[in-house]
Amino acid sequence: MKALFKQFAKASRATKTIKKTADDDRVSDAFAEKIMLAVTGVNECVNCSYRHTKSALEQGVGVEEAVSILKGELDEFPEEEAVALLYAQHWSDTGGEPDENARKRVVDCYGEQKTIYIECMMQLVYTGNLISNTVEAYRTRIRPQKGCFCFFLTVLLCMPIAFLIKSNTKSVQAVLKKKMN
C-alpha cells in the first residue's frame, strides 16, 4: 500500500514537471511514444501497449518499429534513439532506480533537462502499467500468499484509474484492427 502511494506521488511530481518543461527540453511526440512503448514492453501491460501503439502510429511511428520496441528488439534503431530506448528498458527493469552510468550516458546524449523530461514520461507510463497490471492480476485471480487484504485495498484504489485506461483500450483496439487490415 505504501508503495502505491509512493508511485502516485512520483507520478504527480512527474506531471507537474512535464507541464513546466520548456519546448527545447522536450522530445518529439513520436519519440516520446517510442520511449513509452519501451517502458510498457518491459512491464508487459496489455492495456497500455494498445494505447501507446495507437498513439505511436498516429505520431508517424511505423508498425514494425512499434512491434520491435514492445519486443525489446532495438538493434535497428539509430544511436540517438537507441540510447533513450535502452535507458527506458533499464529504468523499468530497475523500478525507476537506474544505474548511475546508464543515466550519465543519457544525460551526455540529451542533456540534463531533456533527460529529466524523459524520466518523467517514463514515470507516468510506469505508474499506469503498475496500476493496470495490478487490477488485471486481481481480475485473473492472481493473489499474493501473504498480505491479501492490503493487496485488495491496493486493487480498490487502482480500479478507477485502471477502468479509464481499459475503457480507452477497447476503442483503441478497434482502431488498430482497422489500421492493420
N, C-alpha and C. Protein backbone atom coordinates (compact mmCIF):
# COMPACT_ATOMS: atom_id res chain seq x y z
N MET A 1 0.84 -1.19 0.00
CA MET A 1 0.00 0.00 0.00
C MET A 1 0.88 1.25 0.00
N LYS A 2 1.90 1.20 0.82
CA LYS A 2 2.84 2.32 0.92
C LYS A 2 3.49 2.57 -0.45
N ALA A 3 3.84 1.48 -1.13
CA ALA A 3 4.47 1.59 -2.46
C ALA A 3 3.53 2.25 -3.46
N LEU A 4 2.25 1.96 -3.37
CA LEU A 4 1.27 2.56 -4.29
C LEU A 4 1.22 4.08 -4.10
N PHE A 5 1.15 4.51 -2.86
CA PHE A 5 1.11 5.95 -2.60
C PHE A 5 2.40 6.63 -3.04
N LYS A 6 3.50 5.92 -2.90
CA LYS A 6 4.80 6.44 -3.36
C LYS A 6 4.76 6.63 -4.89
N GLN A 7 4.19 5.65 -5.60
CA GLN A 7 4.07 5.75 -7.06
C GLN A 7 3.15 6.90 -7.46
N PHE A 8 2.04 7.06 -6.75
CA PHE A 8 1.13 8.18 -7.04
C PHE A 8 1.85 9.51 -6.85
N ALA A 9 2.64 9.62 -5.79
CA ALA A 9 3.37 10.87 -5.53
C ALA A 9 4.39 11.13 -6.63
N LYS A 10 5.11 10.09 -7.06
CA LYS A 10 6.09 10.25 -8.13
C LYS A 10 5.40 10.66 -9.43
N ALA A 11 4.26 10.05 -9.72
CA ALA A 11 3.52 10.40 -10.94
C ALA A 11 3.01 11.84 -10.88
N SER A 12 2.57 12.26 -9.71
CA SER A 12 2.11 13.64 -9.55
C SER A 12 3.24 14.63 -9.78
N ARG A 13 4.41 14.35 -9.22
CA ARG A 13 5.57 15.23 -9.44
C ARG A 13 5.97 15.23 -10.91
N ALA A 14 5.92 14.06 -11.54
CA ALA A 14 6.29 13.97 -12.95
C ALA A 14 5.34 14.79 -13.82
N THR A 15 4.06 14.73 -13.52
CA THR A 15 3.08 15.52 -14.27
C THR A 15 3.37 17.01 -14.16
N LYS A 16 3.66 17.46 -12.95
CA LYS A 16 3.97 18.88 -12.74
C LYS A 16 5.23 19.29 -13.50
N THR A 17 6.23 18.43 -13.46
CA THR A 17 7.49 18.73 -14.17
C THR A 17 7.27 18.80 -15.67
N ILE A 18 6.50 17.86 -16.21
CA ILE A 18 6.23 17.86 -17.65
C ILE A 18 5.51 19.14 -18.06
N LYS A 19 4.55 19.57 -17.27
CA LYS A 19 3.81 20.80 -17.59
C LYS A 19 4.71 22.02 -17.60
N LYS A 20 5.74 22.03 -16.75
CA LYS A 20 6.65 23.18 -16.65
C LYS A 20 7.80 23.13 -17.65
N THR A 21 7.96 22.01 -18.34
CA THR A 21 9.11 21.82 -19.23
C THR A 21 9.01 22.69 -20.47
N ALA A 22 10.09 23.39 -20.76
CA ALA A 22 10.16 24.23 -21.96
C ALA A 22 10.21 23.36 -23.21
N ASP A 23 9.75 23.89 -24.31
CA ASP A 23 9.73 23.14 -25.57
C ASP A 23 11.11 22.60 -25.96
N ASP A 24 12.15 23.38 -25.72
CA ASP A 24 13.52 22.96 -26.07
C ASP A 24 13.97 21.74 -25.27
N ASP A 25 13.37 21.52 -24.12
CA ASP A 25 13.78 20.41 -23.25
C ASP A 25 12.88 19.19 -23.41
N ARG A 26 12.06 19.19 -24.42
CA ARG A 26 11.16 18.06 -24.68
C ARG A 26 11.71 17.25 -25.86
N VAL A 27 11.15 16.06 -26.03
CA VAL A 27 11.45 15.26 -27.22
C VAL A 27 10.20 15.29 -28.09
N SER A 28 10.32 14.91 -29.34
CA SER A 28 9.15 14.91 -30.23
C SER A 28 8.09 13.94 -29.71
N ASP A 29 6.86 14.17 -30.13
CA ASP A 29 5.77 13.29 -29.70
C ASP A 29 6.00 11.85 -30.16
N ALA A 30 6.52 11.67 -31.36
CA ALA A 30 6.78 10.31 -31.86
C ALA A 30 7.84 9.62 -31.01
N PHE A 31 8.91 10.34 -30.70
CA PHE A 31 9.98 9.77 -29.88
C PHE A 31 9.48 9.49 -28.46
N ALA A 32 8.65 10.38 -27.94
CA ALA A 32 8.06 10.17 -26.61
C ALA A 32 7.26 8.87 -26.58
N GLU A 33 6.47 8.63 -27.62
CA GLU A 33 5.68 7.39 -27.68
C GLU A 33 6.59 6.16 -27.78
N LYS A 34 7.69 6.27 -28.50
CA LYS A 34 8.63 5.15 -28.57
C LYS A 34 9.19 4.83 -27.19
N ILE A 35 9.52 5.87 -26.44
CA ILE A 35 10.05 5.67 -25.09
C ILE A 35 8.99 5.02 -24.20
N MET A 36 7.75 5.48 -24.32
CA MET A 36 6.68 4.90 -23.52
C MET A 36 6.40 3.45 -23.92
N LEU A 37 6.54 3.14 -25.20
CA LEU A 37 6.40 1.75 -25.64
C LEU A 37 7.49 0.88 -25.04
N ALA A 38 8.70 1.42 -24.92
CA ALA A 38 9.81 0.65 -24.33
C ALA A 38 9.51 0.30 -22.87
N VAL A 39 8.98 1.26 -22.13
CA VAL A 39 8.62 1.01 -20.73
C VAL A 39 7.50 -0.02 -20.66
N THR A 40 6.48 0.18 -21.47
CA THR A 40 5.33 -0.73 -21.49
C THR A 40 5.73 -2.14 -21.90
N GLY A 41 6.67 -2.24 -22.84
CA GLY A 41 7.14 -3.55 -23.27
C GLY A 41 7.79 -4.32 -22.13
N VAL A 42 8.57 -3.64 -21.33
CA VAL A 42 9.21 -4.30 -20.18
C VAL A 42 8.16 -4.76 -19.18
N ASN A 43 7.18 -3.93 -18.91
CA ASN A 43 6.16 -4.24 -17.91
C ASN A 43 5.03 -5.12 -18.43
N GLU A 44 5.03 -5.37 -19.73
CA GLU A 44 4.04 -6.24 -20.37
C GLU A 44 2.60 -5.87 -20.02
N CYS A 45 2.32 -4.59 -20.08
CA CYS A 45 0.97 -4.12 -19.79
C CYS A 45 0.16 -4.12 -21.09
N VAL A 46 -0.79 -5.02 -21.17
CA VAL A 46 -1.59 -5.17 -22.39
C VAL A 46 -2.37 -3.90 -22.70
N ASN A 47 -3.03 -3.35 -21.69
CA ASN A 47 -3.86 -2.16 -21.92
C ASN A 47 -3.01 -0.99 -22.41
N CYS A 48 -1.89 -0.75 -21.76
CA CYS A 48 -1.04 0.38 -22.14
C CYS A 48 -0.36 0.15 -23.48
N SER A 49 -0.05 -1.10 -23.80
CA SER A 49 0.61 -1.37 -25.09
C SER A 49 -0.32 -1.02 -26.24
N TYR A 50 -1.61 -1.31 -26.12
CA TYR A 50 -2.56 -0.93 -27.16
C TYR A 50 -2.63 0.59 -27.28
N ARG A 51 -2.78 1.25 -26.14
CA ARG A 51 -2.94 2.70 -26.16
C ARG A 51 -1.71 3.40 -26.75
N HIS A 52 -0.53 3.00 -26.31
CA HIS A 52 0.68 3.68 -26.79
C HIS A 52 1.05 3.26 -28.21
N THR A 53 0.66 2.07 -28.63
CA THR A 53 0.87 1.69 -30.02
C THR A 53 0.02 2.57 -30.93
N LYS A 54 -1.23 2.76 -30.55
CA LYS A 54 -2.11 3.63 -31.34
C LYS A 54 -1.54 5.05 -31.41
N SER A 55 -1.14 5.57 -30.27
CA SER A 55 -0.58 6.92 -30.23
C SER A 55 0.69 7.02 -31.07
N ALA A 56 1.53 6.00 -30.98
CA ALA A 56 2.77 5.99 -31.76
C ALA A 56 2.47 5.99 -33.26
N LEU A 57 1.52 5.17 -33.68
CA LEU A 57 1.15 5.13 -35.10
C LEU A 57 0.60 6.49 -35.55
N GLU A 58 -0.20 7.12 -34.71
CA GLU A 58 -0.73 8.44 -35.03
C GLU A 58 0.37 9.49 -35.14
N GLN A 59 1.47 9.28 -34.44
CA GLN A 59 2.60 10.22 -34.48
C GLN A 59 3.58 9.89 -35.60
N GLY A 60 3.28 8.86 -36.40
CA GLY A 60 4.13 8.54 -37.54
C GLY A 60 5.12 7.42 -37.31
N VAL A 61 5.07 6.78 -36.17
CA VAL A 61 5.94 5.63 -35.92
C VAL A 61 5.41 4.46 -36.73
N GLY A 62 6.29 3.73 -37.38
CA GLY A 62 5.87 2.59 -38.19
C GLY A 62 5.45 1.40 -37.33
N VAL A 63 4.60 0.57 -37.91
CA VAL A 63 4.11 -0.62 -37.21
C VAL A 63 5.28 -1.52 -36.79
N GLU A 64 6.21 -1.75 -37.71
CA GLU A 64 7.35 -2.61 -37.39
C GLU A 64 8.19 -2.04 -36.26
N GLU A 65 8.37 -0.71 -36.26
CA GLU A 65 9.12 -0.06 -35.18
C GLU A 65 8.43 -0.27 -33.84
N ALA A 66 7.12 -0.06 -33.81
CA ALA A 66 6.36 -0.21 -32.57
C ALA A 66 6.45 -1.64 -32.05
N VAL A 67 6.30 -2.60 -32.94
CA VAL A 67 6.38 -4.01 -32.55
C VAL A 67 7.78 -4.34 -32.03
N SER A 68 8.80 -3.84 -32.69
CA SER A 68 10.18 -4.08 -32.26
C SER A 68 10.43 -3.52 -30.86
N ILE A 69 9.93 -2.34 -30.61
CA ILE A 69 10.13 -1.72 -29.30
C ILE A 69 9.42 -2.54 -28.23
N LEU A 70 8.18 -2.94 -28.47
CA LEU A 70 7.45 -3.73 -27.49
C LEU A 70 8.14 -5.07 -27.21
N LYS A 71 8.78 -5.62 -28.21
CA LYS A 71 9.51 -6.88 -28.03
C LYS A 71 10.90 -6.68 -27.41
N GLY A 72 11.32 -5.41 -27.32
CA GLY A 72 12.65 -5.12 -26.78
C GLY A 72 13.77 -5.31 -27.77
N GLU A 73 13.42 -5.33 -29.05
CA GLU A 73 14.41 -5.52 -30.12
C GLU A 73 14.79 -4.15 -30.68
N LEU A 74 15.92 -3.63 -30.21
CA LEU A 74 16.30 -2.26 -30.55
C LEU A 74 17.53 -2.16 -31.43
N ASP A 75 17.95 -3.25 -32.01
CA ASP A 75 19.17 -3.28 -32.82
C ASP A 75 19.13 -2.35 -34.02
N GLU A 76 17.98 -2.16 -34.60
CA GLU A 76 17.86 -1.40 -35.85
C GLU A 76 17.65 0.10 -35.66
N PHE A 77 17.59 0.56 -34.42
CA PHE A 77 17.33 1.97 -34.16
C PHE A 77 18.62 2.77 -34.20
N PRO A 78 18.53 4.02 -34.70
CA PRO A 78 19.73 4.86 -34.70
C PRO A 78 20.17 5.15 -33.26
N GLU A 79 21.46 5.39 -33.08
CA GLU A 79 22.01 5.56 -31.72
C GLU A 79 21.31 6.68 -30.96
N GLU A 80 20.96 7.78 -31.64
CA GLU A 80 20.32 8.90 -30.93
C GLU A 80 18.97 8.52 -30.33
N GLU A 81 18.32 7.48 -30.86
CA GLU A 81 17.09 6.98 -30.25
C GLU A 81 17.37 5.79 -29.34
N ALA A 82 18.28 4.94 -29.75
CA ALA A 82 18.57 3.71 -29.00
C ALA A 82 19.02 4.02 -27.58
N VAL A 83 19.76 5.09 -27.38
CA VAL A 83 20.23 5.45 -26.04
C VAL A 83 19.04 5.61 -25.09
N ALA A 84 18.04 6.37 -25.50
CA ALA A 84 16.86 6.59 -24.65
C ALA A 84 16.01 5.34 -24.52
N LEU A 85 15.87 4.58 -25.60
CA LEU A 85 15.04 3.38 -25.56
C LEU A 85 15.65 2.31 -24.66
N LEU A 86 16.96 2.14 -24.76
CA LEU A 86 17.64 1.19 -23.88
C LEU A 86 17.57 1.65 -22.43
N TYR A 87 17.71 2.95 -22.23
CA TYR A 87 17.60 3.50 -20.88
C TYR A 87 16.19 3.26 -20.33
N ALA A 88 15.18 3.45 -21.16
CA ALA A 88 13.79 3.21 -20.72
C ALA A 88 13.61 1.76 -20.28
N GLN A 89 14.20 0.84 -21.02
CA GLN A 89 14.13 -0.57 -20.62
C GLN A 89 14.83 -0.79 -19.29
N HIS A 90 16.05 -0.27 -19.17
CA HIS A 90 16.82 -0.42 -17.94
C HIS A 90 16.10 0.25 -16.77
N TRP A 91 15.60 1.44 -16.99
CA TRP A 91 14.89 2.19 -15.95
C TRP A 91 13.70 1.37 -15.45
N SER A 92 12.96 0.76 -16.36
CA SER A 92 11.79 -0.05 -15.99
C SER A 92 12.20 -1.33 -15.28
N ASP A 93 13.24 -1.97 -15.78
CA ASP A 93 13.75 -3.20 -15.15
C ASP A 93 14.16 -2.96 -13.70
N THR A 94 14.66 -1.77 -13.42
CA THR A 94 15.15 -1.46 -12.07
C THR A 94 14.11 -0.73 -11.23
N GLY A 95 12.88 -0.65 -11.70
CA GLY A 95 11.83 0.03 -10.94
C GLY A 95 12.08 1.51 -10.75
N GLY A 96 12.69 2.13 -11.75
CA GLY A 96 12.95 3.56 -11.68
C GLY A 96 14.20 3.92 -10.90
N GLU A 97 15.06 2.93 -10.69
CA GLU A 97 16.32 3.15 -9.96
C GLU A 97 17.48 2.76 -10.87
N PRO A 98 17.73 3.53 -11.92
CA PRO A 98 18.76 3.14 -12.90
C PRO A 98 20.18 3.28 -12.36
N ASP A 99 21.07 2.57 -13.00
CA ASP A 99 22.50 2.67 -12.71
C ASP A 99 22.98 4.08 -13.04
N GLU A 100 23.85 4.62 -12.21
CA GLU A 100 24.37 5.98 -12.42
C GLU A 100 25.00 6.14 -13.80
N ASN A 101 25.77 5.15 -14.23
CA ASN A 101 26.44 5.23 -15.52
C ASN A 101 25.45 5.23 -16.68
N ALA A 102 24.37 4.48 -16.53
CA ALA A 102 23.34 4.46 -17.58
C ALA A 102 22.70 5.85 -17.70
N ARG A 103 22.39 6.44 -16.56
CA ARG A 103 21.79 7.78 -16.59
C ARG A 103 22.77 8.81 -17.15
N LYS A 104 24.03 8.69 -16.78
CA LYS A 104 25.05 9.62 -17.27
C LYS A 104 25.13 9.57 -18.80
N ARG A 105 25.04 8.38 -19.35
CA ARG A 105 25.07 8.24 -20.81
C ARG A 105 23.91 8.98 -21.46
N VAL A 106 22.75 8.90 -20.85
CA VAL A 106 21.57 9.59 -21.38
C VAL A 106 21.75 11.10 -21.26
N VAL A 107 22.26 11.55 -20.12
CA VAL A 107 22.50 12.99 -19.93
C VAL A 107 23.52 13.48 -20.94
N ASP A 108 24.58 12.70 -21.17
CA ASP A 108 25.59 13.07 -22.16
C ASP A 108 25.00 13.20 -23.56
N CYS A 109 24.02 12.37 -23.86
CA CYS A 109 23.41 12.37 -25.19
C CYS A 109 22.36 13.47 -25.35
N TYR A 110 21.53 13.68 -24.32
CA TYR A 110 20.37 14.58 -24.46
C TYR A 110 20.44 15.84 -23.60
N GLY A 111 21.31 15.85 -22.60
CA GLY A 111 21.36 16.97 -21.66
C GLY A 111 20.50 16.67 -20.44
N GLU A 112 20.77 17.36 -19.36
CA GLU A 112 20.09 17.11 -18.08
C GLU A 112 18.59 17.38 -18.16
N GLN A 113 18.19 18.50 -18.71
CA GLN A 113 16.76 18.86 -18.72
C GLN A 113 15.93 17.90 -19.57
N LYS A 114 16.45 17.54 -20.73
CA LYS A 114 15.71 16.60 -21.59
C LYS A 114 15.65 15.22 -20.93
N THR A 115 16.72 14.84 -20.23
CA THR A 115 16.73 13.56 -19.51
C THR A 115 15.66 13.56 -18.42
N ILE A 116 15.55 14.67 -17.70
CA ILE A 116 14.51 14.77 -16.67
C ILE A 116 13.12 14.62 -17.31
N TYR A 117 12.92 15.26 -18.45
CA TYR A 117 11.64 15.15 -19.16
C TYR A 117 11.37 13.68 -19.54
N ILE A 118 12.37 13.02 -20.09
CA ILE A 118 12.24 11.61 -20.48
C ILE A 118 11.89 10.76 -19.26
N GLU A 119 12.57 10.99 -18.16
CA GLU A 119 12.30 10.22 -16.94
C GLU A 119 10.90 10.48 -16.40
N CYS A 120 10.41 11.69 -16.54
CA CYS A 120 9.04 11.98 -16.11
C CYS A 120 8.03 11.22 -16.96
N MET A 121 8.26 11.19 -18.26
CA MET A 121 7.35 10.42 -19.14
C MET A 121 7.38 8.95 -18.75
N MET A 122 8.60 8.44 -18.49
CA MET A 122 8.72 7.04 -18.11
C MET A 122 8.00 6.78 -16.80
N GLN A 123 8.09 7.71 -15.86
CA GLN A 123 7.42 7.54 -14.57
C GLN A 123 5.91 7.45 -14.73
N LEU A 124 5.36 8.29 -15.59
CA LEU A 124 3.90 8.28 -15.80
C LEU A 124 3.43 6.97 -16.41
N VAL A 125 4.11 6.52 -17.45
CA VAL A 125 3.66 5.27 -18.09
C VAL A 125 3.94 4.07 -17.18
N TYR A 126 5.02 4.11 -16.44
CA TYR A 126 5.35 3.05 -15.49
C TYR A 126 4.24 2.93 -14.43
N THR A 127 3.80 4.07 -13.92
CA THR A 127 2.72 4.06 -12.92
C THR A 127 1.44 3.51 -13.53
N GLY A 128 1.11 3.93 -14.74
CA GLY A 128 -0.06 3.39 -15.42
C GLY A 128 0.04 1.89 -15.64
N ASN A 129 1.24 1.42 -16.00
CA ASN A 129 1.47 -0.02 -16.18
C ASN A 129 1.21 -0.77 -14.87
N LEU A 130 1.76 -0.25 -13.78
CA LEU A 130 1.59 -0.91 -12.48
C LEU A 130 0.13 -0.96 -12.06
N ILE A 131 -0.58 0.13 -12.28
CA ILE A 131 -2.00 0.18 -11.92
C ILE A 131 -2.78 -0.84 -12.74
N SER A 132 -2.60 -0.81 -14.05
CA SER A 132 -3.33 -1.74 -14.93
C SER A 132 -2.98 -3.19 -14.62
N ASN A 133 -1.70 -3.46 -14.43
CA ASN A 133 -1.27 -4.83 -14.16
C ASN A 133 -1.77 -5.34 -12.81
N THR A 134 -1.87 -4.45 -11.82
CA THR A 134 -2.39 -4.84 -10.51
C THR A 134 -3.85 -5.26 -10.61
N VAL A 135 -4.64 -4.45 -11.27
CA VAL A 135 -6.07 -4.78 -11.42
C VAL A 135 -6.24 -6.02 -12.29
N GLU A 136 -5.44 -6.13 -13.32
CA GLU A 136 -5.52 -7.32 -14.19
C GLU A 136 -5.15 -8.59 -13.42
N ALA A 137 -4.16 -8.51 -12.54
CA ALA A 137 -3.79 -9.67 -11.71
C ALA A 137 -4.95 -10.08 -10.82
N TYR A 138 -5.60 -9.11 -10.22
CA TYR A 138 -6.75 -9.41 -9.37
C TYR A 138 -7.88 -10.02 -10.18
N ARG A 139 -8.12 -9.45 -11.34
CA ARG A 139 -9.20 -9.94 -12.22
C ARG A 139 -8.97 -11.39 -12.64
N THR A 140 -7.72 -11.74 -12.87
CA THR A 140 -7.40 -13.11 -13.30
C THR A 140 -7.07 -14.03 -12.12
N ARG A 141 -7.41 -13.54 -10.94
CA ARG A 141 -7.31 -14.31 -9.70
C ARG A 141 -5.89 -14.64 -9.25
N ILE A 142 -4.97 -13.79 -9.59
CA ILE A 142 -3.61 -13.92 -9.06
C ILE A 142 -3.58 -13.15 -7.76
N ARG A 143 -3.30 -13.85 -6.67
CA ARG A 143 -3.28 -13.23 -5.34
C ARG A 143 -1.96 -13.54 -4.64
N PRO A 144 -1.48 -12.61 -3.83
CA PRO A 144 -0.28 -12.91 -3.04
C PRO A 144 -0.61 -13.91 -1.94
N GLN A 145 0.37 -14.69 -1.52
CA GLN A 145 0.13 -15.65 -0.44
C GLN A 145 -0.04 -14.95 0.90
N LYS A 146 0.67 -13.83 1.06
CA LYS A 146 0.56 -13.05 2.29
C LYS A 146 0.10 -11.64 1.92
N GLY A 147 -0.56 -10.99 2.83
CA GLY A 147 -0.97 -9.61 2.61
C GLY A 147 -2.14 -9.45 1.66
N CYS A 148 -3.05 -10.40 1.63
CA CYS A 148 -4.19 -10.34 0.71
C CYS A 148 -5.07 -9.12 0.95
N PHE A 149 -5.29 -8.76 2.21
CA PHE A 149 -6.15 -7.61 2.49
C PHE A 149 -5.53 -6.33 1.95
N CYS A 150 -4.24 -6.18 2.16
CA CYS A 150 -3.53 -4.99 1.66
C CYS A 150 -3.58 -4.96 0.13
N PHE A 151 -3.41 -6.12 -0.48
CA PHE A 151 -3.49 -6.21 -1.94
C PHE A 151 -4.88 -5.81 -2.41
N PHE A 152 -5.91 -6.29 -1.71
CA PHE A 152 -7.28 -5.97 -2.07
C PHE A 152 -7.52 -4.45 -2.00
N LEU A 153 -7.02 -3.80 -0.94
CA LEU A 153 -7.16 -2.35 -0.83
C LEU A 153 -6.42 -1.63 -1.96
N THR A 154 -5.26 -2.14 -2.31
CA THR A 154 -4.49 -1.57 -3.42
C THR A 154 -5.28 -1.67 -4.71
N VAL A 155 -5.88 -2.81 -4.94
CA VAL A 155 -6.69 -3.01 -6.15
C VAL A 155 -7.87 -2.03 -6.16
N LEU A 156 -8.52 -1.86 -5.02
CA LEU A 156 -9.65 -0.92 -4.95
C LEU A 156 -9.22 0.50 -5.29
N LEU A 157 -8.04 0.90 -4.83
CA LEU A 157 -7.54 2.24 -5.14
C LEU A 157 -7.16 2.36 -6.62
N CYS A 158 -6.70 1.28 -7.20
CA CYS A 158 -6.26 1.29 -8.60
C CYS A 158 -7.43 1.19 -9.59
N MET A 159 -8.53 0.61 -9.17
CA MET A 159 -9.63 0.32 -10.10
C MET A 159 -10.15 1.52 -10.90
N PRO A 160 -10.38 2.67 -10.28
CA PRO A 160 -10.91 3.78 -11.09
C PRO A 160 -9.96 4.20 -12.22
N ILE A 161 -8.68 4.26 -11.93
CA ILE A 161 -7.70 4.64 -12.95
C ILE A 161 -7.59 3.54 -14.00
N ALA A 162 -7.55 2.29 -13.54
CA ALA A 162 -7.46 1.16 -14.47
C ALA A 162 -8.70 1.11 -15.37
N PHE A 163 -9.86 1.46 -14.82
CA PHE A 163 -11.08 1.50 -15.62
C PHE A 163 -10.94 2.49 -16.78
N LEU A 164 -10.41 3.67 -16.47
CA LEU A 164 -10.22 4.68 -17.52
C LEU A 164 -9.23 4.18 -18.58
N ILE A 165 -8.16 3.56 -18.14
CA ILE A 165 -7.16 3.03 -19.08
C ILE A 165 -7.79 1.94 -19.94
N LYS A 166 -8.50 1.02 -19.31
CA LYS A 166 -9.10 -0.11 -20.03
C LYS A 166 -10.21 0.35 -20.97
N SER A 167 -11.04 1.30 -20.55
CA SER A 167 -12.13 1.75 -21.43
C SER A 167 -11.55 2.42 -22.67
N ASN A 168 -10.47 3.13 -22.51
CA ASN A 168 -9.80 3.73 -23.66
C ASN A 168 -9.20 2.63 -24.54
N THR A 169 -8.74 1.56 -23.93
CA THR A 169 -8.09 0.46 -24.66
C THR A 169 -9.06 -0.21 -25.64
N LYS A 170 -10.30 -0.40 -25.24
CA LYS A 170 -11.26 -1.08 -26.12
C LYS A 170 -11.46 -0.31 -27.42
N SER A 171 -11.58 1.00 -27.32
CA SER A 171 -11.76 1.79 -28.54
C SER A 171 -10.47 1.81 -29.35
N VAL A 172 -9.35 1.79 -28.67
CA VAL A 172 -8.05 1.77 -29.35
C VAL A 172 -7.87 0.46 -30.11
N GLN A 173 -8.27 -0.66 -29.51
CA GLN A 173 -8.15 -1.96 -30.17
C GLN A 173 -8.92 -1.96 -31.49
N ALA A 174 -10.09 -1.38 -31.49
CA ALA A 174 -10.90 -1.34 -32.70
C ALA A 174 -10.21 -0.51 -33.77
N VAL A 175 -9.66 0.62 -33.39
CA VAL A 175 -8.95 1.48 -34.35
C VAL A 175 -7.73 0.76 -34.91
N LEU A 176 -6.97 0.09 -34.04
CA LEU A 176 -5.77 -0.63 -34.50
C LEU A 176 -6.12 -1.76 -35.46
N LYS A 177 -7.19 -2.47 -35.18
CA LYS A 177 -7.60 -3.55 -36.08
C LYS A 177 -7.93 -3.01 -37.47
N LYS A 178 -8.60 -1.86 -37.53
CA LYS A 178 -8.91 -1.23 -38.81
C LYS A 178 -7.64 -0.83 -39.55
N LYS A 179 -6.68 -0.24 -38.81
CA LYS A 179 -5.43 0.21 -39.43
C LYS A 179 -4.60 -0.97 -39.94
N MET A 180 -4.65 -2.08 -39.22
CA MET A 180 -3.84 -3.24 -39.59
C MET A 180 -4.42 -3.97 -40.81
N ASN A 181 -5.74 -3.84 -41.01
CA ASN A 181 -6.39 -4.55 -42.13
C ASN A 181 -6.36 -3.73 -43.36
